[in-house]
Protein backbone atom coordinates (compact mmCIF):
# COMPACT_ATOMS: atom_id res chain seq x y z
CA MET A 1 -33.34 17.98 41.94
CA GLU A 2 -34.19 14.31 41.54
CA ARG A 3 -32.39 14.20 38.16
CA LEU A 4 -29.30 15.77 39.72
CA LYS A 5 -29.45 13.28 42.56
CA ASN A 6 -29.60 10.37 40.08
CA LEU A 7 -26.74 11.82 38.03
CA LEU A 8 -24.55 12.21 41.13
CA LYS A 9 -25.38 8.67 42.22
CA LYS A 10 -24.47 7.28 38.78
CA SER A 11 -21.16 9.14 38.87
CA GLY A 12 -20.09 7.53 42.14
CA PHE A 13 -21.15 10.01 44.82
CA SER A 14 -22.23 8.42 48.09
CA GLU A 15 -25.75 9.02 49.42
CA LYS A 16 -24.36 11.29 52.13
CA GLU A 17 -22.27 13.30 49.65
CA ILE A 18 -25.37 13.79 47.55
CA GLU A 19 -27.44 14.91 50.53
CA VAL A 20 -24.78 17.39 51.68
CA TYR A 21 -24.30 18.79 48.18
CA LEU A 22 -28.05 19.19 47.66
CA ALA A 23 -28.41 20.80 51.08
CA LEU A 24 -25.76 23.35 50.10
CA ILE A 25 -27.56 24.11 46.85
CA GLU A 26 -30.85 24.59 48.69
CA LYS A 27 -29.53 26.53 51.69
CA GLY A 28 -26.75 28.50 50.09
CA THR A 29 -23.77 29.57 52.19
CA SER A 30 -24.06 27.87 55.59
CA VAL A 31 -22.19 26.58 58.60
CA ALA A 32 -21.59 22.85 58.83
CA SER A 33 -24.18 22.34 61.59
CA ASP A 34 -26.96 23.84 59.41
CA ILE A 35 -25.87 21.74 56.44
CA ALA A 36 -25.83 18.64 58.66
CA GLN A 37 -29.33 19.39 59.90
CA GLN A 38 -30.66 19.99 56.36
CA ALA A 39 -29.01 16.77 55.08
CA ASP A 40 -30.03 14.84 58.22
CA ILE A 41 -26.42 13.73 58.78
CA ASN A 42 -24.27 13.95 61.88
CA ARG A 43 -22.14 17.13 62.02
CA SER A 44 -18.72 15.45 62.22
CA THR A 45 -19.59 13.28 59.21
CA THR A 46 -20.71 16.43 57.40
CA TYR A 47 -17.21 17.93 57.82
CA VAL A 48 -15.66 14.82 56.24
CA ILE A 49 -18.10 14.99 53.34
CA LEU A 50 -17.56 18.73 52.88
CA ASP A 51 -13.82 18.07 52.69
CA SER A 52 -14.45 15.48 49.96
CA LEU A 53 -16.60 17.93 48.02
CA LEU A 54 -13.95 20.65 48.49
CA LYS A 55 -11.32 18.36 46.94
CA ARG A 56 -13.60 17.77 43.97
CA GLY A 57 -13.93 21.50 43.48
CA LEU A 58 -17.67 21.52 44.08
CA VAL A 59 -17.70 23.44 47.36
CA THR A 60 -15.97 26.56 48.63
CA GLU A 61 -14.97 27.18 52.23
CA THR A 62 -14.67 30.70 53.62
CA GLU A 63 -14.21 32.05 57.10
CA ARG A 64 -16.16 34.95 58.57
CA ARG A 65 -15.42 36.11 62.14
CA GLY A 66 -13.75 32.80 62.91
CA VAL A 67 -16.68 30.74 61.64
CA LYS A 68 -16.25 28.39 58.68
CA LEU A 69 -18.87 28.83 56.00
CA PHE A 70 -19.46 26.49 53.08
CA SER A 71 -21.17 27.14 49.78
CA SER A 72 -21.70 25.20 46.58
CA ASN A 73 -19.76 26.42 43.58
CA GLU A 74 -21.41 27.44 40.33
CA PRO A 75 -22.92 24.57 38.30
CA GLU A 76 -20.15 24.88 35.68
CA LYS A 77 -17.74 23.48 38.29
CA LEU A 78 -19.86 20.33 38.48
CA MET A 79 -19.72 20.03 34.69
CA LYS A 80 -15.94 20.55 34.78
CA TYR A 81 -15.67 17.82 37.44
CA PHE A 82 -17.61 15.38 35.21
CA GLU A 83 -15.44 16.25 32.19
CA GLN A 84 -12.25 15.65 34.20
CA ALA A 85 -13.64 12.37 35.52
CA SER A 86 -14.51 11.35 31.97
CA ARG A 87 -10.93 11.98 30.82
CA ARG A 88 -9.55 10.02 33.80
CA TYR A 89 -11.82 7.06 33.03
CA ALA A 90 -10.77 7.16 29.38
CA GLU A 91 -7.14 6.98 30.54
CA PHE A 92 -7.99 4.09 32.89
CA ALA A 93 -9.71 2.25 30.04
CA GLU A 94 -6.68 2.70 27.78
CA GLU A 95 -4.34 1.44 30.50
CA ALA A 96 -6.64 -1.52 31.15
CA ARG A 97 -6.57 -2.29 27.43
CA THR A 98 -2.76 -2.63 27.62
CA LEU A 99 -3.12 -5.07 30.53
CA ILE A 100 -5.47 -7.43 28.71
CA PRO A 101 -2.71 -9.69 27.29
CA ALA A 102 -1.13 -10.21 30.73
CA ILE A 103 -4.50 -10.86 32.36
CA THR A 104 -5.48 -13.27 29.60
CA ALA A 105 -2.19 -15.18 29.94
CA LYS A 106 -2.67 -15.46 33.71
CA MET A 107 -6.23 -16.70 33.30
CA GLN A 108 -5.17 -19.26 30.70
CA SER A 109 -2.39 -20.49 32.99
CA ARG A 110 -4.84 -20.82 35.87
CA ALA A 111 -7.36 -22.59 33.64
CA GLN A 112 -4.66 -25.02 32.51
CA GLN A 113 -3.74 -25.77 36.13
CA GLU A 114 -7.41 -26.24 37.04
CA ASN A 115 -7.86 -28.52 34.03
CA ILE A 116 -4.95 -30.69 35.14
CA ALA A 117 -6.18 -30.77 38.72
CA THR A 118 -9.71 -31.78 37.71
CA HIS A 119 -8.68 -34.16 34.91
CA PRO A 120 -6.17 -36.72 36.20
CA GLU A 121 -5.78 -38.15 32.70
CA ASN A 122 -3.95 -34.92 31.77
CA VAL A 123 -1.48 -35.49 34.60
CA TYR A 124 -0.95 -39.04 33.36
CA GLU A 125 -0.32 -37.80 29.81
CA HIS A 126 2.14 -35.21 31.11
CA ALA A 127 3.92 -37.86 33.18
CA LEU A 128 4.22 -40.08 30.07
CA ASP A 129 5.70 -37.13 28.17
CA SER A 130 8.19 -36.57 31.00
CA LEU A 131 9.19 -40.24 30.97
CA GLU A 132 9.65 -40.09 27.21
CA THR A 133 11.91 -37.05 27.64
CA ILE A 134 14.00 -38.94 30.22
CA ARG A 135 14.24 -42.00 27.94
CA ALA A 136 15.38 -39.77 25.07
CA GLN A 137 18.03 -38.13 27.30
CA VAL A 138 19.35 -41.52 28.36
CA GLN A 139 19.55 -42.69 24.77
CA GLN A 140 21.21 -39.48 23.66
CA THR A 141 23.82 -39.26 26.44
CA GLY A 142 24.19 -42.97 27.11
CA THR A 143 24.07 -42.30 30.84
CA THR A 144 21.57 -41.85 33.65
CA ASP A 145 23.78 -39.46 35.67
CA LYS A 146 21.59 -36.44 35.06
CA ILE A 147 18.35 -38.17 35.92
CA LYS A 148 19.58 -39.70 39.19
CA ASN A 149 19.17 -36.23 40.78
CA PRO A 150 15.45 -36.02 41.62
CA ASN A 151 15.51 -32.21 41.36
CA HIS A 152 17.13 -32.16 37.92
CA ASN A 153 14.82 -30.53 35.36
CA ARG A 154 11.97 -30.27 37.89
CA ASN A 155 11.02 -26.95 36.36
CA LYS A 156 10.24 -28.79 33.11
CA LEU A 157 7.91 -31.23 34.82
CA HIS A 158 4.22 -30.77 35.30
CA PRO A 159 3.66 -28.55 38.40
CA GLU A 160 1.89 -31.34 40.31
CA VAL A 161 4.69 -33.79 39.52
CA ALA A 162 7.37 -31.23 40.40
CA LYS A 163 5.72 -30.59 43.80
CA GLY A 164 5.85 -34.29 44.48
CA SER A 165 2.11 -34.50 45.07
CA ILE A 166 1.72 -37.07 42.31
């Protein structure tokens, strides 16, 4: 049973889920209070865990004379659960693969902002570039009308300059 316990742990089962599942395998069909006692877990917590195991298809609930009885399903159900989980994780991995470009772009943007924040010389260089752009606009249009508005083309300025913090 130790190998099964390790396998369940590796696949994301909580300690209490493992204890309840193993108790069911050992005891067979039982009421929740007996399962709780075998697993050394409080009875109300045992009901929550049994519900989780029911949703995974690993446990069956029956009622006899108004008493709820729980039993573990055949081992093939556990294998089926692992196979389904494997397919889900493969789908998650494929979806994550499609997100890599967006995540990479976000990280590069953040790194660029951190680089500017930690290297003032980069802010200075960006400010010089902005001034050169303004000079070129003045030469091209022959007027300073557009640059008198302090908010004009702020979105083209370095973020720290646009915020007015520099």
